[in-house]
Amino acid sequence: MQCDRALLRQEGLPSRPWYQHEIYAPGFYTGYTPKTRPGVREGIEERRWDDAQIQIPLAAQALTEMAKPIDRATGVLDSVK
């Protein structure tokens, strides 16, 4: 649960602030078909290079934040051995 929450951004995605997940969301033009890394991918696909440049470090930051609870859980599991 903590990992998935780490992938959310309060500001949401460009043009769709109600979708807050950095790694997957329905595509802007594809209905419910999911897109991975939607902020980055849609910026590139639509040639909105400035948006893509902004979204790349945000997606990277989300993955870095997700790694923290995984590292904590790994530490707990290692201490049990």
C-alpha atoms as a PDB file:
ATOM      1  CA  MET A   1       0.000   0.000   0.000  1.00  0.00           C
ATOM      2  CA  GLN A   2       2.843   2.402   0.860  1.00  0.00           C
ATOM      3  CA  CYS A   3       4.565   1.637  -2.432  1.00  0.00           C
ATOM      4  CA  ASP A   4       1.509   2.486  -4.505  1.00  0.00           C
ATOM      5  CA  ARG A   5       0.878   5.679  -2.544  1.00  0.00           C
ATOM      6  CA  ALA A   6       4.468   6.765  -3.219  1.00  0.00           C
ATOM      7  CA  LEU A   7       3.607   6.787  -6.941  1.00  0.00           C
ATOM      8  CA  LEU A   8       0.887   9.417  -6.539  1.00  0.00           C
ATOM      9  CA  ARG A   9       1.357  13.153  -7.130  1.00  0.00           C
ATOM     10  CA  GLN A  10      -1.092  15.582  -5.592  1.00  0.00           C
ATOM     11  CA  GLU A  11      -0.967  17.802  -8.698  1.00  0.00           C
ATOM     12  CA  GLY A  12      -2.012  14.951 -10.981  1.00  0.00           C
ATOM     13  CA  LEU A  13      -1.127  14.530 -14.633  1.00  0.00           C
ATOM     14  CA  PRO A  14      -0.907  17.321 -17.204  1.00  0.00           C
ATOM     15  CA  SER A  15      -4.403  18.191 -18.470  1.00  0.00           C
ATOM     16  CA  ARG A  16      -5.907  15.628 -16.030  1.00  0.00           C
ATOM     17  CA  PRO A  17      -5.244  16.561 -12.415  1.00  0.00           C
ATOM     18  CA  TRP A  18      -7.729  13.931 -11.218  1.00  0.00           C
ATOM     19  CA  TYR A  19      -5.326  11.148 -12.307  1.00  0.00           C
ATOM     20  CA  GLN A  20      -2.508  11.213  -9.803  1.00  0.00           C
ATOM     21  CA  HIS A  21      -0.594   8.019 -10.546  1.00  0.00           C
ATOM     22  CA  GLU A  22       2.818   8.671 -12.121  1.00  0.00           C
ATOM     23  CA  ILE A  23       3.310   5.183 -13.563  1.00  0.00           C
ATOM     24  CA  TYR A  24      -0.026   4.290 -15.146  1.00  0.00           C
ATOM     25  CA  ALA A  25      -3.286   5.983 -16.047  1.00  0.00           C
ATOM     26  CA  PRO A  26      -5.874   5.840 -18.805  1.00  0.00           C
ATOM     27  CA  GLY A  27      -4.557   7.490 -21.933  1.00  0.00           C
ATOM     28  CA  PHE A  28      -5.734  10.977 -22.762  1.00  0.00           C
ATOM     29  CA  TYR A  29      -6.920   9.878 -26.226  1.00  0.00           C
ATOM     30  CA  THR A  30      -7.283   6.144 -25.665  1.00  0.00           C
ATOM     31  CA  GLY A  31     -10.210   6.022 -23.278  1.00  0.00           C
ATOM     32  CA  TYR A  32      -9.576   3.415 -20.615  1.00  0.00           C
ATOM     33  CA  THR A  33      -6.618   1.803 -22.351  1.00  0.00           C
ATOM     34  CA  PRO A  34      -3.790   2.301 -19.852  1.00  0.00           C
ATOM     35  CA  LYS A  35      -0.589   4.144 -20.596  1.00  0.00           C
ATOM     36  CA  THR A  36       2.587   3.586 -18.646  1.00  0.00           C
ATOM     37  CA  ARG A  37       4.440   6.672 -17.452  1.00  0.00           C
ATOM     38  CA  PRO A  38       1.586   8.739 -18.908  1.00  0.00           C
ATOM     39  CA  GLY A  39       3.023  12.187 -18.226  1.00  0.00           C
ATOM     40  CA  VAL A  40       6.281  11.369 -20.009  1.00  0.00           C
ATOM     41  CA  ARG A  41       4.844   9.165 -22.727  1.00  0.00           C
ATOM     42  CA  GLU A  42       2.017  11.459 -23.774  1.00  0.00           C
ATOM     43  CA  GLY A  43       4.354  14.444 -23.797  1.00  0.00           C
ATOM     44  CA  ILE A  44       6.631  12.588 -26.206  1.00  0.00           C
ATOM     45  CA  GLU A  45       3.825  11.155 -28.346  1.00  0.00           C
ATOM     46  CA  GLU A  46       2.197  14.565 -28.710  1.00  0.00           C
ATOM     47  CA  ARG A  47       5.557  16.298 -29.245  1.00  0.00           C
ATOM     48  CA  ARG A  48       5.069  18.466 -26.183  1.00  0.00           C
ATOM     49  CA  TRP A  49       8.773  18.321 -25.378  1.00  0.00           C
ATOM     50  CA  ASP A  50       8.600  20.829 -22.533  1.00  0.00           C
ATOM     51  CA  ASP A  51       5.936  18.746 -20.776  1.00  0.00           C
ATOM     52  CA  ALA A  52       7.980  15.576 -21.257  1.00  0.00           C
ATOM     53  CA  GLN A  53      11.083  17.288 -19.835  1.00  0.00           C
ATOM     54  CA  ILE A  54       9.111  18.323 -16.758  1.00  0.00           C
ATOM     55  CA  GLN A  55       7.529  14.896 -16.301  1.00  0.00           C
ATOM     56  CA  ILE A  56      10.721  12.803 -16.596  1.00  0.00           C
ATOM     57  CA  PRO A  57      12.220  13.847 -13.237  1.00  0.00           C
ATOM     58  CA  LEU A  58       8.782  13.647 -11.588  1.00  0.00           C
ATOM     59  CA  ALA A  59       8.395  10.021 -12.686  1.00  0.00           C
ATOM     60  CA  ALA A  60      11.949   9.282 -11.534  1.00  0.00           C
ATOM     61  CA  GLN A  61      11.233  10.892  -8.169  1.00  0.00           C
ATOM     62  CA  ALA A  62       8.095   8.767  -7.761  1.00  0.00           C
ATOM     63  CA  LEU A  63      10.113   5.593  -8.372  1.00  0.00           C
ATOM     64  CA  THR A  64      12.769   6.733  -5.905  1.00  0.00           C
ATOM     65  CA  GLU A  65      10.048   7.351  -3.307  1.00  0.00           C
ATOM     66  CA  MET A  66       8.584   3.914  -3.990  1.00  0.00           C
ATOM     67  CA  ALA A  67      11.982   2.330  -3.354  1.00  0.00           C
ATOM     68  CA  LYS A  68      12.040   3.632   0.231  1.00  0.00           C
ATOM     69  CA  PRO A  69       9.286   1.385   1.657  1.00  0.00           C
ATOM     70  CA  ILE A  70      10.718  -1.533  -0.310  1.00  0.00           C
ATOM     71  CA  ASP A  71      14.133  -0.912   1.255  1.00  0.00           C
ATOM     72  CA  ARG A  72      12.539  -0.699   4.709  1.00  0.00           C
ATOM     73  CA  ALA A  73      10.691  -3.978   4.166  1.00  0.00           C
ATOM     74  CA  THR A  74      13.871  -5.611   2.915  1.00  0.00           C
ATOM     75  CA  GLY A  75      15.670  -4.459   6.063  1.00  0.00           C
ATOM     76  CA  VAL A  76      12.950  -5.963   8.245  1.00  0.00           C
ATOM     77  CA  LEU A  77      13.065  -9.252   6.364  1.00  0.00           C
ATOM     78  CA  ASP A  78      16.867  -9.376   6.530  1.00  0.00           C
ATOM     79  CA  SER A  79      16.772  -8.848  10.287  1.00  0.00           C
ATOM     80  CA  VAL A  80      14.453 -11.867  10.690  1.00  0.00           C
ATOM     81  CA  LYS A  81      16.872 -14.296   9.046  1.00  0.00           C
END
